[in-house]
Amino acid sequence: MKKKAANFQKDHCLHFFSLTTKFGFFNAKTNNTKSAILFKANAFIIASLALIVLAAPSYLYQQVTAPTVIYRVQLAPEDRVMTNETDQKPAEKPQHQQAPAVPVMPTPPPSRLIKEHVEKPDRK
């Protein structure tokens, strides 16, 4: 009985060891892939920071030496002040109005006769 239990324990340990090594190799491969991706990402971040440092002096020199534009602000006279009040008189309506013209619909060409709402739909 002890021999069977020992064999079962040995077989179980071997099976567990084979699974851990199998998945361990997969885990190691995945970790190596992630590490390579992180290394590339860090390299791009460092390269971008280096390019910013190289471009900064040129940008700062341009900002310092650029002529500043001064905008002239002039106050409007009091008769031109904009307000929310409506002091204007409404436009006078003409005393006689013409009747609006009825729009004339053009006749469609003979090949394009529209038969909508003319014929009754066929019901089955």
Protein backbone atom coordinates (compact mmCIF):
# COMPACT_ATOMS: atom_id res chain seq x y z
CA MET A 1 0.00 0.00 0.00
CA LYS A 2 2.82 2.35 0.87
CA LYS A 3 4.46 1.53 -2.42
CA LYS A 4 1.37 2.60 -4.38
CA ALA A 5 1.12 5.83 -2.40
CA ALA A 6 4.79 6.56 -2.98
CA ASN A 7 4.44 5.88 -6.71
CA PHE A 8 1.33 8.09 -6.88
CA GLN A 9 3.14 10.86 -5.05
CA LYS A 10 6.17 10.50 -7.32
CA ASP A 11 4.01 10.49 -10.45
CA HIS A 12 2.01 13.46 -9.19
CA CYS A 13 5.20 15.43 -8.48
CA LEU A 14 6.61 14.59 -11.91
CA HIS A 15 3.37 15.64 -13.59
CA PHE A 16 3.28 18.88 -11.59
CA PHE A 17 6.96 19.53 -12.41
CA SER A 18 6.36 18.94 -16.12
CA LEU A 19 3.40 21.35 -16.08
CA THR A 20 5.35 24.02 -14.22
CA THR A 21 8.30 23.74 -16.56
CA LYS A 22 6.00 23.81 -19.60
CA PHE A 23 4.11 26.89 -18.39
CA GLY A 24 7.29 28.30 -16.89
CA PHE A 25 8.90 28.37 -20.33
CA PHE A 26 5.80 30.03 -21.75
CA ASN A 27 5.87 32.58 -18.93
CA ALA A 28 9.57 33.27 -19.49
CA LYS A 29 8.97 33.81 -23.23
CA THR A 30 6.08 36.18 -22.48
CA ASN A 31 8.16 38.10 -19.95
CA ASN A 32 11.00 38.46 -22.47
CA THR A 33 8.56 39.83 -25.08
CA LYS A 34 7.11 42.33 -22.59
CA SER A 35 10.60 43.37 -21.54
CA ALA A 36 11.59 44.02 -25.17
CA ILE A 37 8.47 46.15 -25.73
CA LEU A 38 9.13 48.17 -22.56
CA PHE A 39 12.77 48.67 -23.58
CA LYS A 40 11.69 50.04 -26.97
CA ALA A 41 9.11 52.32 -25.34
CA ASN A 42 11.72 53.69 -22.92
CA ALA A 43 14.15 54.24 -25.79
CA PHE A 44 11.53 56.26 -27.73
CA ILE A 45 10.73 58.36 -24.65
CA ILE A 46 14.41 59.13 -24.11
CA ALA A 47 14.86 59.96 -27.81
CA SER A 48 11.88 62.32 -27.78
CA LEU A 49 13.17 64.10 -24.68
CA ALA A 50 16.57 64.47 -26.35
CA LEU A 51 14.95 65.99 -29.46
CA ILE A 52 12.98 68.42 -27.31
CA VAL A 53 16.19 69.50 -25.58
CA LEU A 54 17.86 69.99 -28.98
CA ALA A 55 14.93 72.01 -30.38
CA ALA A 56 14.32 74.17 -27.31
CA PRO A 57 17.16 76.72 -27.85
CA SER A 58 16.01 77.49 -31.39
CA TYR A 59 12.41 77.97 -30.27
CA LEU A 60 13.35 80.13 -27.30
CA TYR A 61 15.65 82.31 -29.45
CA GLN A 62 12.84 82.84 -31.96
CA GLN A 63 10.40 83.79 -29.19
CA VAL A 64 12.81 86.27 -27.62
CA THR A 65 13.86 87.98 -30.86
CA ALA A 66 10.40 88.14 -32.48
CA PRO A 67 8.99 91.68 -32.55
CA THR A 68 6.03 92.09 -30.26
CA VAL A 69 2.88 93.33 -31.91
CA ILE A 70 1.23 96.14 -30.00
CA TYR A 71 -2.47 96.49 -30.65
CA ARG A 72 -3.90 100.00 -30.54
CA VAL A 73 -7.10 100.35 -28.61
CA GLN A 74 -9.17 103.46 -29.22
CA LEU A 75 -12.25 104.42 -27.27
CA ALA A 76 -15.32 105.06 -29.35
CA PRO A 77 -17.17 108.36 -29.04
CA GLU A 78 -20.26 108.33 -26.85
CA ASP A 79 -22.66 108.46 -29.79
CA ARG A 80 -21.29 105.12 -31.05
CA VAL A 81 -21.52 103.18 -27.80
CA MET A 82 -23.19 99.80 -28.13
CA THR A 83 -25.95 99.02 -25.64
CA ASN A 84 -28.58 96.38 -25.16
CA GLU A 85 -31.37 98.94 -25.26
CA THR A 86 -33.39 99.34 -28.43
CA ASP A 87 -33.81 103.05 -29.09
CA GLN A 88 -34.33 102.63 -32.81
CA LYS A 89 -37.75 103.08 -34.36
CA PRO A 90 -39.15 100.04 -36.12
CA ALA A 91 -39.15 100.21 -39.88
CA GLU A 92 -42.44 101.49 -41.28
CA LYS A 93 -44.51 99.02 -43.24
CA PRO A 94 -45.61 99.98 -46.72
CA GLN A 95 -49.27 100.91 -46.83
CA HIS A 96 -50.25 98.74 -49.74
CA GLN A 97 -48.88 95.27 -50.21
CA GLN A 98 -49.08 93.17 -53.31
CA ALA A 99 -50.53 89.71 -53.09
CA PRO A 100 -47.80 87.09 -53.13
CA ALA A 101 -47.38 85.44 -56.50
CA VAL A 102 -48.48 81.82 -56.67
CA PRO A 103 -45.53 79.74 -57.78
CA VAL A 104 -46.18 77.95 -61.06
CA MET A 105 -45.04 74.33 -61.08
CA PRO A 106 -43.26 73.41 -64.29
CA THR A 107 -44.62 70.50 -66.26
CA PRO A 108 -42.38 67.44 -66.06
CA PRO A 109 -40.90 66.06 -69.25
CA PRO A 110 -42.97 63.33 -70.91
CA SER A 111 -40.56 60.54 -69.96
CA ARG A 112 -40.77 61.47 -66.29
CA LEU A 113 -44.48 61.48 -65.57
CA ILE A 114 -44.91 61.06 -61.84
CA LYS A 115 -47.72 58.76 -60.88
CA GLU A 116 -47.48 58.95 -57.12
CA HIS A 117 -50.77 59.17 -55.25
CA VAL A 118 -52.66 58.82 -58.49
CA GLU A 119 -53.21 55.09 -58.73
CA LYS A 120 -54.63 53.01 -55.93
CA PRO A 121 -52.15 50.53 -54.46
CA ASP A 122 -52.74 46.88 -55.24
CA ARG A 123 -53.72 44.95 -52.13
CA LYS A 124 -53.46 41.23 -52.01
